[in-house]
């Protein structure tokens, strides 16, 4: 996958993450998706997070991630863009403290 998961060294109150009982997800984003980008196409989401297009659609159908379809009025097809913050939130909600 394109992400690097590791715990942070400190929290806002100065306690280590292990002491605070949580971990943070740090994603190394490629140059084509800037850290301020909020939306990306399925190919970039796959490259960044390793999530397939089919899985994205299943997550969206379950209301777990957000997307937007950009198309001309009355057009049958368009371009679906995936909301990166909702994907990060979904992944962060599934981080497990295993063996620590």
Foldseek 3Di string as FASTA:
>chain_A
DQFDFDFDQADPVGDGCVVVPAGATGWDADPVADPPDFKDAQVRCCNGPVAHPVNVVVCVVVVQWDWDFDDDPPDPHTGIITGVVSVSVSVRVPDDDPPD
